[in-house]
Protein backbone atom coordinates (compact mmCIF):
# COMPACT_ATOMS: atom_id res chain seq x y z
CA MET A 1 18.05 3.75 121.51
CA ARG A 2 17.17 1.69 124.55
CA THR A 3 13.73 1.56 126.18
CA TRP A 4 12.31 0.47 129.54
CA SER A 5 8.76 0.03 130.67
CA LEU A 6 8.54 1.48 134.17
CA SER A 7 4.89 0.58 134.60
CA ARG A 8 1.80 -0.02 132.50
CA ILE A 9 1.52 3.72 131.76
CA SER A 10 5.09 4.98 132.18
CA HIS A 11 8.08 4.40 129.88
CA LYS A 12 11.70 5.53 129.67
CA ALA A 13 14.15 5.60 126.74
CA VAL A 14 17.70 6.79 126.11
CA LEU A 15 18.90 8.24 122.80
CA VAL A 16 22.62 8.69 122.06
CA ASN A 17 24.23 10.73 119.27
CA ARG A 18 27.54 8.93 118.73
CA ASN A 19 28.87 11.68 116.47
CA LEU A 20 29.08 14.10 119.41
CA THR A 21 30.72 13.28 122.72
CA GLN A 22 28.55 13.11 125.81
CA THR A 23 25.29 13.70 123.95
CA ASN A 24 22.66 11.42 125.28
CA ALA A 25 19.11 12.28 126.18
CA GLU A 26 16.79 10.42 128.48
CA LEU A 27 13.06 10.58 127.74
CA HIS A 28 10.33 9.75 130.26
CA ILE A 29 6.74 9.47 129.03
CA SER A 30 3.74 8.82 131.23
CA ALA A 31 -0.01 8.84 130.71
CA SER A 32 -2.84 9.26 133.15
CA SER A 33 -6.57 8.96 132.88
CA SER A 34 -7.81 10.03 136.27
CA ASN A 35 -11.58 9.91 136.48
CA ARG A 36 -12.12 11.51 139.88
CA ASN A 37 -14.20 14.68 139.64
CA ASN A 38 -13.88 14.43 135.88
CA ASN A 39 -16.27 17.12 134.74
CA GLY A 40 -15.93 19.34 131.70
CA PHE A 41 -14.91 22.38 133.73
CA SER A 42 -11.85 20.71 135.27
CA MET A 43 -10.86 19.19 131.91
CA MET A 44 -11.00 22.62 130.27
CA PHE A 45 -8.26 23.84 132.60
CA GLY A 46 -6.04 20.77 132.30
CA GLY A 47 -7.48 19.21 135.41
CA ASN A 48 -8.35 15.60 136.01
CA GLY A 49 -8.86 14.51 132.41
CA PRO A 50 -6.59 12.24 130.39
CA GLN A 51 -3.01 13.51 130.08
CA ILE A 52 0.28 12.62 128.41
CA ASN A 53 3.41 14.03 130.10
CA TYR A 54 7.03 13.92 129.00
CA THR A 55 10.40 14.95 130.42
CA ILE A 56 13.68 15.03 128.49
CA ASN A 57 16.90 14.85 130.54
CA PRO A 58 15.28 14.80 133.98
CA ASP A 59 18.68 14.89 135.74
CA ARG A 60 20.09 17.95 133.91
CA GLN A 61 18.57 20.88 132.05
CA ALA A 62 15.18 19.22 132.07
CA MET A 63 12.71 20.04 129.33
CA SER A 64 9.18 18.93 130.06
CA GLY A 65 5.73 19.35 128.66
CA GLY A 66 2.48 17.58 128.19
CA PHE A 67 -0.80 17.25 126.43
CA VAL A 68 -4.34 17.22 127.78
CA VAL A 69 -7.73 16.37 126.39
CA SER A 70 -9.78 19.45 125.65
CA PHE A 71 -13.07 20.07 123.88
CA ASP A 72 -15.05 22.53 121.85
CA ASP A 73 -18.75 22.58 120.99
CA TYR A 74 -18.44 19.49 118.80
CA GLU A 75 -15.58 17.17 119.76
CA LEU A 76 -12.82 16.12 122.13
CA PHE A 77 -9.20 16.62 121.05
CA TRP A 78 -5.64 16.76 122.38
CA LYS A 79 -3.87 20.09 122.98
CA GLU A 80 -0.59 21.16 124.52
CA LYS A 81 -0.72 21.87 128.26
CA GLY A 82 -0.74 25.51 129.20
CA VAL A 83 -2.50 26.76 126.06
CA TYR A 84 -5.67 28.55 127.14
CA ASP A 85 -6.65 30.65 124.13
CA ASN A 86 -9.44 30.05 121.64
CA ASN A 87 -7.03 29.38 118.74
CA VAL A 88 -5.83 26.06 120.14
CA THR A 89 -4.14 23.69 117.73
CA GLN A 90 -6.02 20.41 117.81
CA LEU A 91 -3.55 17.52 117.87
CA ASP A 92 -3.82 13.84 117.05
CA ALA A 93 -1.59 11.02 118.31
CA LYS A 94 0.90 11.28 115.41
CA GLN A 95 1.33 15.01 115.89
CA ILE A 96 1.98 14.50 119.60
CA ALA A 97 4.56 11.81 118.82
CA ASP A 98 6.22 14.08 116.23
CA ILE A 99 6.46 16.99 118.70
CA ILE A 100 8.09 14.81 121.39
CA TRP A 101 10.38 13.07 118.86
CA THR A 102 11.57 16.39 117.39
CA LYS A 103 12.33 17.88 120.82
CA TRP A 104 14.17 14.70 121.80
CA LEU A 105 16.32 14.74 118.64
CA GLU A 106 17.08 18.44 119.14
CA SER A 107 18.27 17.73 122.69
CA VAL A 108 21.12 15.54 121.37
CA GLY A 109 22.03 17.78 118.44
CA ILE A 110 20.59 15.68 115.64
CA LEU A 111 18.16 18.38 114.46
């Protein structure tokens, strides 16, 4: 695996499965913490709150996703982007890393 830091909040890495020919996967991860118009309403809909975004293989068959900060009556928590129901899985940093890592390994045929 090789990694690059593209900026303070953006990173890139390449993973290669040497057991299969031409199986490499590029991963781009970026984070944002925009504070403009950062009210609860916009955060609830994945708006201007803190976000983590990832893209696997941006040049071919791209798979992308992300995570946003959400909230309930008691606390702030991470959730997957695009999930708008009341039964949201609350995620922590390790769970987010595990989701991205698993998808990355699957993209090169390791899992």
